[in-house]
Amino acid sequence: MRRELRYAVRSFRAAPTVALVAWSVPEALPAATSGFVIANAVDRGFLAGRPVVGLFWLASLLVVAGAGALGTRMVFRRLGELAEPFRDGLVERVVGGAIRNGIAERPDHGALARLTRQVEVARDTYAGLVIVIRGFLVTVVGVVVGVFSLAPAIAFLLLPPFVLGLGGFVAMLGLAANRQRAAVLADEKLSAAAGQVFAGTRDVVACGTEKDAAALVKQPIDEQAAAERALAGVAALRTACFALGGWVPLLLLLFAGPALVRDGLTAGELLGGATYVLFGLQPALQSFVAGVGGSGLRFVITLGRVLDASDVPPAEPRHGTATGYAVELRKVTFAYGPHAEPVIADLDLSVVPGEHLAVVGPSGIGKSTLVSLVCGLRRPDRGEVLLGETPAAELDLATLAATRVLIPQEAYVFTGTLRDNLTYLNPGATTAEIELAAAKVGARFGDYDAQVSPLEMSSGERQLVALVRAYLSPAPLIVLDEATCHLDPAAERRAELAFAERPGTLVVIAHRISSALRAERVLVLDGAGAAVGDHATLLRTSPLYRELLGHWEAGRTPASQPA
């Protein structure tokens, strides 16, 4: 729990924290003055036979309450300045942890749940805790100031049991957090065991193994029940702490009332002390116990899970150095899982510098998997993928970024200026270079310094931005993974020809078979093997290539035939 609390405290930002403290001052006025006002209304007004004076004192509470309401309003307005940066920090941790896991090829199946659910739970409970704890401190400080100004004798009577009750509750928070965590884990264990049994209910009934199935879930049920009983015990202790801190002060005041009057206290002062207890200390302690004991524990546990999952070690550093940009695959085999059929099996391929290669095959046959292997995003199960003379998966990220550019089917565009989107792979590109690249690729842009929003752009517009960005990149290897699928055939042809004329190597995962006709060589993946060669060779040797070409030619119209 200490780690989570340290993280929460470090997330406080100076400016909004100071603003919250400043606006808490007027919010503390009702708590500080309520008992004092009641005492004067009784002693100087109603008991003195001057009801107008008593009403005047009571009316002053309305003014004070108005100031307190203004403070509360401003506190809630500034709360987002703490809660939203806290949420953003958690999002960065979750995304960063997921990326590190992906780079290290460690499966992280819970990243999406942490990002969409657990981060929001942590943000909401964090904001709630800020309000609860701040409100508690404001009220207690106001009550302490008010009761000492009213009658120090009452303060020394009320505050010790309140402090004892508060201290007991704070002392048991660690125990409560441990038991809450144990209850969550027990519930998850029971759900997993019950899910296995429920999934095989028909088999259990058919085989008459109900007793065995019940035995499988008996221990998780017993553990979950024990965890819930332990939580109930914590709830009982919490109630006892509230009784000590919230009700014992009032009882002491009532029992000591006659003695206090004999010592010179007035009836109004006694009533003011009771007001401080009933409308100050009791509600404050009740909200604190309920908020910290409920939302606080959820916050600690949820934040702990997010931190545990995001505190992942980085992947082993890659130390390889590229010595060229030829692409070579040597007996490469890759499967998605130890028991899955290989997507790519014993593939040999060599792409020399400056070559234009197209990869074709049915959907789902492994073309994008091949791209991931070539670009160093995945490691082969067997064999080697070399960029230059170095295994691609061993190259450090900076070297990979300088060696190859991959444009996937869904092009990435970020909110910012058009110039930033076009040049972030080559920040030093001039306007003239941008215009030349756009003209080559076939893109038409307006103001390069205008702001762009990905949500307001079509898929084709985003692809054109990504294509110009890749063209401007100094990387000698360009890989287009259906990167022109949202363009019309004419625009696709122009873009591919531009990259083919660009110095360097081009690998195109073909969206249309026409991409293969423009390539120097074609790799055909059919699931059982691979065939590679030029267009004429594959027409003779590859039935799948002839089939793909036949489907394409049958679907063409004279107007759509390439020039």
Protein backbone atom coordinates (compact mmCIF):
# COMPACT_ATOMS: atom_id res chain seq x y z
CA MET A 1 0.00 0.00 0.00
CA ARG A 2 2.91 2.37 0.64
CA ARG A 3 3.97 2.23 -3.01
CA GLU A 4 0.47 3.21 -4.16
CA LEU A 5 0.24 6.04 -1.64
CA ARG A 6 3.67 7.37 -2.65
CA TYR A 7 2.61 7.30 -6.29
CA ALA A 8 -0.61 9.18 -5.49
CA VAL A 9 1.19 11.82 -3.42
CA ARG A 10 3.87 12.34 -6.08
CA SER A 11 1.13 12.91 -8.65
CA PHE A 12 0.01 16.10 -6.88
CA ARG A 13 0.80 19.16 -8.97
CA ALA A 14 1.77 22.35 -7.20
CA ALA A 15 -0.58 24.88 -8.83
CA PRO A 16 -3.89 22.99 -8.51
CA THR A 17 -2.96 21.77 -5.02
CA VAL A 18 -2.35 25.34 -3.85
CA ALA A 19 -5.63 26.40 -5.46
CA LEU A 20 -7.52 23.62 -3.66
CA VAL A 21 -6.01 24.65 -0.33
CA ALA A 22 -6.85 28.30 -0.94
CA TRP A 23 -10.49 27.61 -1.83
CA SER A 24 -10.77 25.29 1.17
CA VAL A 25 -10.45 28.29 3.49
CA PRO A 26 -13.96 29.71 2.77
CA GLU A 27 -15.30 26.15 2.72
CA ALA A 28 -14.05 25.71 6.30
CA LEU A 29 -16.01 28.72 7.59
CA PRO A 30 -19.34 26.89 8.22
CA ALA A 31 -17.60 24.18 10.24
CA ALA A 32 -15.56 26.72 12.20
CA THR A 33 -18.42 29.09 13.04
CA SER A 34 -21.51 26.87 13.40
CA GLY A 35 -21.12 26.06 17.09
CA PHE A 36 -19.97 29.59 17.94
CA VAL A 37 -23.00 31.08 16.17
CA ILE A 38 -25.43 28.67 17.87
CA ALA A 39 -23.95 29.48 21.30
CA ASN A 40 -24.36 33.25 20.81
CA ALA A 41 -27.84 32.86 19.33
CA VAL A 42 -28.92 30.97 22.45
CA ASP A 43 -27.07 32.93 25.14
CA ARG A 44 -27.33 36.46 23.75
CA GLY A 45 -30.57 36.04 21.94
CA PHE A 46 -33.25 33.54 22.86
CA LEU A 47 -32.31 32.88 26.54
CA ALA A 48 -31.73 36.61 27.08
CA GLY A 49 -35.22 37.39 25.84
CA ARG A 50 -34.00 38.98 22.62
CA PRO A 51 -35.26 36.74 19.79
CA VAL A 52 -34.32 39.27 17.10
CA VAL A 53 -30.70 39.06 18.16
CA GLY A 54 -30.94 35.27 18.12
CA LEU A 55 -32.38 35.31 14.63
CA PHE A 56 -29.65 37.71 13.52
CA TRP A 57 -26.99 35.27 14.69
CA LEU A 58 -28.74 32.40 12.92
CA ALA A 59 -29.04 34.47 9.74
CA SER A 60 -25.28 34.94 9.77
CA LEU A 61 -25.01 31.21 9.19
CA LEU A 62 -26.60 31.74 5.77
CA VAL A 63 -23.85 34.18 4.81
CA VAL A 64 -21.17 31.82 6.02
CA ALA A 65 -22.82 28.90 4.20
CA GLY A 66 -22.83 30.94 0.99
CA ALA A 67 -19.07 31.53 1.29
CA GLY A 68 -18.59 27.82 1.97
CA ALA A 69 -20.68 26.92 -1.08
CA LEU A 70 -18.53 29.19 -3.26
CA GLY A 71 -15.40 27.49 -1.94
CA THR A 72 -16.86 24.04 -2.65
CA ARG A 73 -17.80 25.08 -6.19
CA MET A 74 -14.31 26.32 -6.96
CA VAL A 75 -12.76 23.18 -5.43
CA PHE A 76 -14.71 20.96 -7.80
CA ARG A 77 -13.79 23.17 -10.74
CA ARG A 78 -10.09 22.75 -9.99
CA LEU A 79 -10.32 19.03 -9.21
CA GLY A 80 -9.90 18.06 -12.85
CA GLU A 81 -6.46 19.70 -12.89
CA LEU A 82 -5.33 16.97 -10.49
CA ALA A 83 -7.42 14.01 -11.66
CA GLU A 84 -6.82 14.25 -15.42
CA PRO A 85 -3.00 14.45 -15.29
CA PHE A 86 -3.11 11.51 -12.84
CA ARG A 87 -5.14 9.54 -15.39
CA ASP A 88 -2.81 10.56 -18.23
CA GLY A 89 0.17 9.34 -16.23
CA LEU A 90 -1.46 5.96 -15.70
CA VAL A 91 -2.33 5.70 -19.39
CA GLU A 92 1.30 6.36 -20.28
CA ARG A 93 2.42 3.65 -17.84
CA VAL A 94 -0.08 1.10 -19.20
CA VAL A 95 0.77 1.81 -22.84
CA GLY A 96 4.49 1.87 -22.11
CA GLY A 97 4.29 -1.44 -20.27
CA ALA A 98 2.30 -3.01 -23.10
CA ILE A 99 4.84 -1.78 -25.66
CA ARG A 100 7.75 -3.13 -23.61
CA ASN A 101 5.97 -6.46 -23.29
CA GLY A 102 5.35 -6.50 -27.02
CA ILE A 103 8.97 -5.72 -27.84
CA ALA A 104 10.10 -8.48 -25.49
CA GLU A 105 7.46 -10.83 -26.97
CA ARG A 106 5.80 -11.26 -23.57
CA PRO A 107 2.02 -11.73 -23.98
CA ASP A 108 0.02 -9.04 -22.17
CA HIS A 109 -3.64 -9.97 -22.46
CA GLY A 110 -4.82 -7.58 -19.73
CA ALA A 111 -3.48 -4.32 -21.16
CA LEU A 112 -6.77 -3.36 -22.80
CA ALA A 113 -8.76 -4.00 -19.60
CA ARG A 114 -6.28 -1.93 -17.60
CA LEU A 115 -6.46 0.90 -20.12
CA THR A 116 -10.24 1.03 -20.49
CA ARG A 117 -11.45 -0.01 -17.03
CA GLN A 118 -8.84 -0.07 -14.30
CA VAL A 119 -7.36 3.31 -15.21
CA GLU A 120 -10.83 4.88 -15.12
CA VAL A 121 -11.58 3.25 -11.75
CA ALA A 122 -8.28 4.56 -10.38
CA ARG A 123 -8.96 8.06 -11.74
CA ASP A 124 -12.49 8.21 -10.31
CA THR A 125 -11.51 6.88 -6.88
CA TYR A 126 -8.48 9.18 -6.83
CA ALA A 127 -10.70 12.20 -7.40
CA GLY A 128 -13.16 10.95 -4.78
CA LEU A 129 -10.39 10.46 -2.24
CA VAL A 130 -9.04 13.95 -2.85
CA ILE A 131 -12.50 15.37 -2.13
CA VAL A 132 -13.11 13.15 0.92
CA ILE A 133 -9.72 13.68 2.56
CA ARG A 134 -9.64 17.39 1.80
CA GLY A 135 -13.20 17.83 3.09
CA PHE A 136 -12.34 15.89 6.24
CA LEU A 137 -9.27 18.02 6.95
CA VAL A 138 -11.16 21.25 6.23
CA THR A 139 -13.99 20.30 8.58
CA VAL A 140 -11.75 19.06 11.39
CA VAL A 141 -9.52 22.14 11.24
CA GLY A 142 -12.60 24.37 11.28
CA VAL A 143 -14.14 22.49 14.22
CA VAL A 144 -10.90 22.59 16.23
CA VAL A 145 -10.54 26.34 15.68
CA GLY A 146 -14.20 26.92 16.46
CA VAL A 147 -14.43 24.78 19.60
CA PHE A 148 -11.27 26.31 21.11
CA SER A 149 -12.63 29.78 20.45
CA LEU A 150 -15.92 28.75 22.06
CA ALA A 151 -14.70 26.93 25.18
CA PRO A 152 -11.33 25.21 25.59
CA ALA A 153 -12.82 22.92 28.25
CA ILE A 154 -15.19 21.46 25.67
CA ALA A 155 -12.31 21.02 23.19
CA PHE A 156 -10.29 18.97 25.70
CA LEU A 157 -13.37 16.85 26.31
CA LEU A 158 -14.32 16.19 22.69
CA LEU A 159 -11.03 15.84 20.85
CA PRO A 160 -9.26 12.92 22.66
CA PRO A 161 -11.89 10.24 21.84
CA PHE A 162 -12.18 11.63 18.30
CA VAL A 163 -8.42 11.35 17.80
CA LEU A 164 -8.45 7.81 19.24
CA GLY A 165 -11.21 6.72 16.88
CA LEU A 166 -9.49 8.30 13.90
CA GLY A 167 -6.13 6.79 14.86
CA GLY A 168 -7.64 3.33 15.23
CA PHE A 169 -9.20 3.55 11.78
CA VAL A 170 -5.96 4.73 10.15
CA ALA A 171 -4.02 1.97 11.93
CA MET A 172 -6.29 -0.75 10.51
CA LEU A 173 -6.08 0.47 6.88
CA GLY A 174 -3.15 -1.82 6.10
CA LEU A 175 -5.04 -4.82 7.47
CA ALA A 176 -8.14 -3.79 5.53
CA ALA A 177 -6.17 -3.45 2.29
CA ASN A 178 -4.61 -6.89 2.70
CA ARG A 179 -7.98 -8.49 3.37
CA GLN A 180 -9.59 -6.68 0.46
CA ARG A 181 -6.81 -7.86 -1.83
CA ALA A 182 -7.18 -11.42 -0.52
CA ALA A 183 -10.93 -11.26 -1.17
CA VAL A 184 -10.38 -10.12 -4.76
CA LEU A 185 -7.86 -12.88 -5.43
CA ALA A 186 -10.13 -15.48 -3.83
CA ASP A 187 -13.02 -14.30 -5.97
CA GLU A 188 -10.89 -14.55 -9.13
CA LYS A 189 -9.75 -18.05 -8.14
CA LEU A 190 -13.33 -19.15 -7.52
CA SER A 191 -14.47 -17.69 -10.85
CA ALA A 192 -11.73 -19.56 -12.71
CA ALA A 193 -12.52 -22.87 -10.99
CA ALA A 194 -16.28 -22.49 -11.42
CA GLY A 195 -15.83 -21.54 -15.06
CA GLN A 196 -13.97 -24.76 -15.76
CA VAL A 197 -16.69 -26.82 -14.09
CA PHE A 198 -19.55 -24.98 -15.78
CA ALA A 199 -17.89 -25.39 -19.18
CA GLY A 200 -18.03 -29.16 -18.75
CA THR A 201 -21.44 -29.44 -17.08
CA ARG A 202 -22.87 -31.83 -19.67
CA ASP A 203 -19.84 -34.10 -19.48
CA VAL A 204 -19.99 -34.04 -15.67
CA VAL A 205 -23.65 -35.06 -15.67
CA ALA A 206 -23.16 -37.66 -18.40
CA CYS A 207 -20.29 -39.30 -16.55
CA GLY A 208 -21.87 -39.03 -13.12
CA THR A 209 -18.93 -37.13 -11.66
CA GLU A 210 -20.87 -34.45 -9.80
CA LYS A 211 -19.02 -35.16 -6.54
CA ASP A 212 -15.65 -34.79 -8.24
CA ALA A 213 -16.77 -31.53 -9.84
CA ALA A 214 -18.00 -30.25 -6.47
CA ALA A 215 -14.66 -31.18 -4.92
CA LEU A 216 -12.87 -29.04 -7.52
CA VAL A 217 -14.67 -25.89 -6.39
CA LYS A 218 -14.95 -26.68 -2.67
CA GLN A 219 -11.58 -25.25 -1.70
CA PRO A 220 -12.02 -22.00 -3.71
CA ILE A 221 -15.50 -21.59 -2.20
CA ASP A 222 -14.15 -22.08 1.33
CA GLU A 223 -11.32 -19.62 0.68
CA GLN A 224 -13.68 -17.04 -0.75
CA ALA A 225 -16.06 -17.43 2.20
CA ALA A 226 -13.18 -17.04 4.66
CA ALA A 227 -12.01 -13.92 2.83
CA GLU A 228 -15.51 -12.43 3.00
CA ARG A 229 -15.76 -13.19 6.72
CA ALA A 230 -12.41 -11.50 7.25
CA LEU A 231 -13.72 -8.45 5.38
CA ALA A 232 -16.80 -8.43 7.59
CA GLY A 233 -14.52 -8.37 10.62
CA VAL A 234 -12.77 -5.32 9.20
CA ALA A 235 -16.15 -3.64 8.68
CA ALA A 236 -17.01 -4.28 12.34
CA LEU A 237 -13.73 -2.71 13.44
CA ARG A 238 -14.44 0.25 11.19
CA THR A 239 -17.84 0.73 12.83
CA ALA A 240 -16.23 0.54 16.29
CA CYS A 241 -13.72 3.24 15.31
CA PHE A 242 -16.53 5.49 14.14
CA ALA A 243 -18.48 4.92 17.36
CA LEU A 244 -15.44 5.84 19.42
CA GLY A 245 -14.61 8.95 17.43
CA GLY A 246 -18.14 10.11 16.58
CA TRP A 247 -20.46 9.16 19.44
CA VAL A 248 -18.26 8.97 22.54
CA PRO A 249 -17.47 12.74 22.37
CA LEU A 250 -21.18 13.52 22.41
CA LEU A 251 -21.83 11.15 25.32
CA LEU A 252 -18.95 12.68 27.29
CA LEU A 253 -20.34 16.15 26.65
CA LEU A 254 -23.80 15.15 27.83
CA PHE A 255 -22.57 13.41 30.97
CA ALA A 256 -20.17 16.21 31.82
CA GLY A 257 -22.72 18.92 31.08
CA PRO A 258 -23.84 19.57 34.70
CA ALA A 259 -20.26 19.80 35.92
CA LEU A 260 -19.33 22.16 33.10
CA VAL A 261 -22.28 24.42 33.90
CA ARG A 262 -21.21 24.55 37.54
CA ASP A 263 -17.78 25.61 36.34
CA GLY A 264 -19.27 28.56 34.47
CA LEU A 265 -20.16 27.29 30.99
CA THR A 266 -23.47 28.47 29.59
CA ALA A 267 -26.25 26.44 28.03
CA GLY A 268 -25.46 28.03 24.68
CA GLU A 269 -21.83 26.93 24.87
CA LEU A 270 -22.91 23.36 25.63
CA LEU A 271 -25.32 23.45 22.72
CA GLY A 272 -22.57 24.90 20.51
CA GLY A 273 -20.25 22.05 21.52
CA ALA A 274 -22.95 19.53 20.65
CA THR A 275 -23.36 21.30 17.28
CA TYR A 276 -19.67 20.90 16.57
CA VAL A 277 -19.99 17.17 17.26
CA LEU A 278 -23.27 16.46 15.44
CA PHE A 279 -22.73 18.69 12.41
CA GLY A 280 -18.94 18.75 12.25
CA LEU A 281 -16.96 15.87 13.68
CA GLN A 282 -19.53 13.11 13.16
CA PRO A 283 -20.29 13.75 9.45
CA ALA A 284 -16.62 14.38 8.71
CA LEU A 285 -15.51 11.15 10.37
CA GLN A 286 -18.34 9.16 8.79
CA SER A 287 -17.47 10.40 5.29
CA PHE A 288 -13.79 9.76 5.90
CA VAL A 289 -14.32 6.22 7.17
CA ALA A 290 -16.76 5.36 4.36
CA GLY A 291 -14.69 7.00 1.61
CA VAL A 292 -11.25 5.81 2.60
CA GLY A 293 -12.49 2.42 3.79
CA GLY A 294 -14.45 1.85 0.56
CA SER A 295 -13.16 3.86 -2.39
CA GLY A 296 -9.72 4.12 -0.82
CA LEU A 297 -9.22 0.36 -0.75
CA ARG A 298 -10.50 0.01 -4.31
CA PHE A 299 -8.09 2.75 -5.33
CA VAL A 300 -5.09 1.08 -3.68
CA ILE A 301 -5.87 -2.35 -5.12
CA THR A 302 -6.68 -1.12 -8.64
CA LEU A 303 -3.69 1.20 -8.74
CA GLY A 304 -1.50 -1.63 -7.44
CA ARG A 305 -2.60 -3.87 -10.29
CA VAL A 306 -1.89 -1.15 -12.85
CA LEU A 307 1.55 -0.48 -11.36
CA ASP A 308 2.39 -4.18 -11.11
CA ALA A 309 1.53 -4.73 -14.76
CA SER A 310 3.30 -1.60 -16.03
CA ASP A 311 6.48 -2.04 -13.98
CA VAL A 312 7.84 -4.55 -16.47
CA PRO A 313 11.54 -4.85 -17.24
CA PRO A 314 12.59 -3.59 -20.65
CA ALA A 315 13.47 -6.05 -23.33
CA GLU A 316 17.04 -7.23 -23.62
CA PRO A 317 19.00 -4.53 -25.44
CA ARG A 318 19.77 -5.17 -29.06
CA HIS A 319 23.34 -4.55 -30.08
CA GLY A 320 23.42 -5.53 -33.77
CA THR A 321 24.64 -3.10 -36.43
CA ALA A 322 23.28 -3.04 -39.95
CA THR A 323 25.94 -3.54 -42.62
CA GLY A 324 23.63 -3.07 -45.62
CA TYR A 325 20.00 -3.33 -46.53
CA ALA A 326 19.74 -6.55 -48.46
CA VAL A 327 16.94 -8.77 -47.12
CA GLU A 328 17.58 -12.47 -46.71
CA LEU A 329 15.41 -15.20 -45.16
CA ARG A 330 17.08 -18.54 -44.45
CA LYS A 331 14.77 -21.48 -43.72
CA VAL A 332 12.40 -19.22 -41.77
CA THR A 333 9.52 -20.85 -39.89
CA PHE A 334 6.98 -19.02 -37.75
CA ALA A 335 3.78 -20.10 -35.98
CA TYR A 336 1.44 -18.27 -33.58
CA GLY A 337 1.90 -20.63 -30.66
CA PRO A 338 3.81 -23.83 -29.94
CA HIS A 339 0.97 -26.09 -31.10
CA ALA A 340 -0.25 -24.03 -34.06
CA GLU A 341 0.38 -24.81 -37.68
CA PRO A 342 3.22 -22.70 -39.12
CA VAL A 343 2.09 -19.61 -41.00
CA ILE A 344 5.46 -19.56 -42.76
CA ALA A 345 7.47 -22.76 -43.11
CA ASP A 346 11.11 -23.16 -44.27
CA LEU A 347 11.00 -20.01 -46.40
CA ASP A 348 14.13 -19.00 -48.31
CA LEU A 349 14.14 -15.55 -49.89
CA SER A 350 16.76 -13.06 -51.00
CA VAL A 351 16.01 -9.43 -51.92
CA VAL A 352 19.05 -7.56 -53.23
CA PRO A 353 19.50 -3.82 -52.65
CA GLY A 354 17.48 -1.74 -55.08
CA GLU A 355 15.06 -4.54 -56.00
CA HIS A 356 11.27 -4.19 -56.28
CA LEU A 357 9.48 -7.26 -54.84
CA ALA A 358 5.73 -7.85 -54.65
CA VAL A 359 4.20 -10.42 -52.28
CA VAL A 360 0.84 -11.94 -53.28
CA GLY A 361 -1.43 -14.64 -51.93
CA PRO A 362 -4.89 -15.22 -50.49
CA SER A 363 -6.04 -13.26 -47.45
CA GLY A 364 -4.74 -14.69 -44.17
CA ILE A 365 -1.97 -16.68 -45.84
CA GLY A 366 0.86 -14.96 -43.90
CA LYS A 367 1.83 -11.88 -45.92
CA SER A 368 1.64 -9.46 -42.99
CA THR A 369 3.44 -12.00 -40.78
CA LEU A 370 6.25 -12.04 -43.32
CA VAL A 371 6.39 -8.25 -43.14
CA SER A 372 6.69 -8.36 -39.34
CA LEU A 373 9.59 -10.79 -39.63
CA VAL A 374 11.39 -8.75 -42.28
CA CYS A 375 11.01 -5.53 -40.29
CA GLY A 376 12.27 -7.08 -37.04
CA LEU A 377 8.93 -6.85 -35.22
CA ARG A 378 8.80 -10.63 -34.68
CA ARG A 379 11.43 -13.30 -34.26
CA PRO A 380 11.22 -16.48 -36.33
CA ASP A 381 10.76 -19.76 -34.50
CA ARG A 382 13.46 -21.26 -36.70
CA GLY A 383 15.80 -19.86 -39.28
CA GLU A 384 17.16 -16.34 -39.72
CA VAL A 385 15.89 -13.03 -41.12
CA LEU A 386 18.83 -10.81 -42.06
CA LEU A 387 18.95 -7.11 -42.84
CA GLY A 388 22.34 -6.67 -44.36
CA GLU A 389 24.30 -9.35 -42.54
CA THR A 390 22.57 -8.95 -39.15
CA PRO A 391 19.45 -10.73 -37.84
CA ALA A 392 16.66 -8.14 -37.99
CA ALA A 393 15.41 -8.99 -34.49
CA GLU A 394 18.83 -8.15 -33.02
CA LEU A 395 19.06 -4.64 -34.43
CA ASP A 396 18.45 -1.82 -31.97
CA LEU A 397 15.37 0.30 -32.56
CA ALA A 398 17.32 3.32 -33.81
CA THR A 399 19.10 1.22 -36.42
CA LEU A 400 15.84 -0.43 -37.49
CA ALA A 401 14.16 2.95 -37.85
CA ALA A 402 17.05 4.21 -40.00
CA THR A 403 17.07 1.07 -42.14
CA ARG A 404 13.44 0.39 -42.99
CA VAL A 405 10.04 2.06 -43.04
CA LEU A 406 6.86 0.01 -42.74
CA ILE A 407 3.48 1.45 -43.73
CA PRO A 408 0.61 -0.81 -42.64
CA GLN A 409 -2.87 -0.91 -44.09
CA GLU A 410 -4.20 1.55 -41.48
CA ALA A 411 -1.92 4.54 -41.86
CA TYR A 412 -0.93 6.46 -38.73
CA VAL A 413 -1.65 10.18 -38.60
CA PHE A 414 -1.48 12.16 -35.37
CA THR A 415 -3.11 15.42 -34.31
CA GLY A 416 -0.73 18.22 -35.19
CA THR A 417 0.42 20.15 -38.21
CA LEU A 418 0.54 18.55 -41.63
CA ARG A 419 4.26 19.38 -41.82
CA ASP A 420 4.96 17.50 -38.56
CA ASN A 421 3.08 14.47 -39.87
CA LEU A 422 4.99 14.45 -43.15
CA THR A 423 8.48 15.04 -41.74
CA TYR A 424 8.76 13.21 -38.46
CA LEU A 425 10.88 10.49 -40.12
CA ASN A 426 13.00 13.26 -41.65
CA PRO A 427 12.63 16.40 -39.48
CA GLY A 428 15.09 18.34 -41.62
CA ALA A 429 13.07 18.05 -44.83
CA THR A 430 12.52 21.40 -46.54
CA THR A 431 9.27 22.62 -48.04
CA ALA A 432 10.69 22.05 -51.52
CA GLU A 433 11.52 18.44 -50.64
CA ILE A 434 8.03 17.92 -49.23
CA GLU A 435 6.44 19.33 -52.38
CA LEU A 436 8.64 17.13 -54.59
CA ALA A 437 7.76 14.00 -52.57
CA ALA A 438 4.05 14.84 -52.69
CA ALA A 439 4.20 15.38 -56.44
CA LYS A 440 6.02 12.08 -56.96
CA VAL A 441 3.52 10.10 -54.85
CA GLY A 442 0.51 11.91 -56.32
CA ALA A 443 -0.68 13.76 -53.23
CA ARG A 444 -2.03 17.28 -53.16
CA PHE A 445 -1.84 19.21 -49.91
CA GLY A 446 -2.67 22.74 -48.92
CA ASP A 447 -1.07 24.64 -46.05
CA TYR A 448 1.67 22.47 -44.55
CA ASP A 449 1.39 24.33 -41.24
CA ALA A 450 -2.35 23.72 -40.92
CA GLN A 451 -3.58 21.51 -38.08
CA VAL A 452 -4.87 18.08 -39.07
CA SER A 453 -7.13 15.72 -37.13
CA PRO A 454 -7.04 11.99 -37.96
CA LEU A 455 -10.76 11.63 -37.27
CA GLU A 456 -11.58 14.24 -39.90
CA MET A 457 -9.49 12.58 -42.64
CA SER A 458 -10.55 9.77 -44.93
CA SER A 459 -8.61 6.51 -45.03
CA GLY A 460 -7.20 7.44 -48.43
CA GLU A 461 -6.02 10.85 -47.20
CA ARG A 462 -4.26 9.24 -44.25
CA GLN A 463 -2.57 6.77 -46.60
CA LEU A 464 -1.29 9.59 -48.82
CA VAL A 465 0.19 11.35 -45.77
CA ALA A 466 1.94 8.12 -44.74
CA LEU A 467 3.23 7.52 -48.27
CA VAL A 468 4.77 10.98 -48.55
CA ARG A 469 6.26 10.54 -45.08
CA ALA A 470 7.88 7.25 -46.15
CA TYR A 471 9.14 8.76 -49.40
CA LEU A 472 10.86 11.55 -47.44
CA SER A 473 12.48 9.07 -45.06
CA PRO A 474 16.20 8.40 -45.57
CA ALA A 475 15.60 4.68 -44.90
CA PRO A 476 16.75 2.58 -47.89
CA LEU A 477 14.13 -0.17 -47.40
CA ILE A 478 10.43 0.63 -47.83
CA VAL A 479 7.78 -1.97 -46.99
CA LEU A 480 4.19 -1.26 -48.06
CA ASP A 481 1.75 -3.66 -46.37
CA GLU A 482 -1.39 -2.97 -48.44
CA ALA A 483 -0.55 0.67 -47.82
CA THR A 484 -2.48 1.81 -50.93
CA CYS A 485 -5.64 -0.25 -50.45
CA HIS A 486 -7.81 2.86 -49.91
CA LEU A 487 -6.56 4.52 -53.11
CA ASP A 488 -8.03 3.97 -56.55
CA PRO A 489 -5.98 1.85 -59.02
CA ALA A 490 -4.56 4.86 -60.83
CA ALA A 491 -3.39 6.52 -57.61
CA GLU A 492 -1.98 3.20 -56.38
CA ARG A 493 -0.03 2.77 -59.61
CA ARG A 494 1.45 6.25 -59.42
CA ALA A 495 2.51 5.81 -55.78
CA GLU A 496 4.13 2.41 -56.36
CA LEU A 497 5.99 3.62 -59.43
CA ALA A 498 7.28 6.58 -57.42
CA PHE A 499 8.71 4.26 -54.77
CA ALA A 500 10.11 1.93 -57.44
CA GLU A 501 12.03 4.88 -58.95
CA ARG A 502 13.18 6.06 -55.50
CA PRO A 503 16.71 4.87 -54.60
CA GLY A 504 16.49 1.83 -52.36
CA THR A 505 14.59 -1.42 -52.01
CA LEU A 506 10.80 -1.75 -52.22
CA VAL A 507 8.71 -4.64 -50.85
CA VAL A 508 4.97 -4.40 -51.60
CA ILE A 509 2.31 -6.59 -50.03
CA ALA A 510 -0.08 -6.49 -52.96
CA HIS A 511 -3.67 -5.39 -52.46
CA ARG A 512 -4.31 -5.80 -56.19
CA ILE A 513 -2.55 -8.24 -58.51
CA SER A 514 -1.63 -5.27 -60.70
CA SER A 515 1.06 -4.50 -58.09
CA ALA A 516 2.73 -7.77 -59.04
CA LEU A 517 2.82 -6.80 -62.72
CA ARG A 518 4.83 -3.68 -61.84
CA ALA A 519 7.39 -5.57 -59.71
CA GLU A 520 10.70 -7.00 -60.86
CA ARG A 521 10.04 -10.19 -58.90
CA VAL A 522 6.99 -11.69 -57.19
CA LEU A 523 6.74 -13.92 -54.11
CA VAL A 524 3.61 -16.10 -54.12
CA LEU A 525 2.49 -17.55 -50.77
CA ASP A 526 -0.05 -20.35 -50.95
CA GLY A 527 0.05 -21.84 -47.44
CA ALA A 528 1.86 -24.99 -48.50
CA GLY A 529 4.98 -23.29 -49.73
CA ALA A 530 6.24 -20.33 -51.71
CA ALA A 531 7.20 -19.56 -55.27
CA VAL A 532 9.33 -16.64 -56.35
CA GLY A 533 10.24 -15.36 -59.78
CA ASP A 534 9.38 -12.79 -62.40
CA HIS A 535 5.95 -12.53 -64.00
CA ALA A 536 6.70 -14.81 -66.95
CA THR A 537 8.28 -17.50 -64.78
CA LEU A 538 5.40 -17.60 -62.34
CA LEU A 539 2.86 -17.85 -65.14
CA ARG A 540 4.55 -21.12 -66.09
CA THR A 541 5.27 -22.52 -62.63
CA SER A 542 2.63 -21.25 -60.17
CA PRO A 543 -1.02 -22.35 -60.54
CA LEU A 544 -2.06 -19.94 -57.74
CA TYR A 545 -0.43 -16.99 -59.51
CA ARG A 546 -2.23 -17.88 -62.76
CA GLU A 547 -5.48 -18.14 -60.81
CA LEU A 548 -5.01 -14.76 -59.12
CA LEU A 549 -4.08 -13.15 -62.42
CA GLY A 550 -7.09 -14.74 -64.12
CA HIS A 551 -9.51 -13.42 -61.51
CA TRP A 552 -8.03 -9.94 -61.89
CA GLU A 553 -8.19 -9.93 -65.68
CA ALA A 554 -11.74 -11.22 -65.63
CA GLY A 555 -12.77 -8.34 -63.39
CA ARG A 556 -11.11 -5.59 -65.41
CA THR A 557 -12.91 -3.26 -67.75
CA PRO A 558 -11.13 -1.54 -70.66
CA ALA A 559 -11.30 1.78 -68.81
CA SER A 560 -9.58 0.32 -65.77
CA GLN A 561 -6.65 -1.27 -67.62
CA PRO A 562 -3.32 0.30 -66.78
CA ALA A 563 -1.58 2.39 -69.37
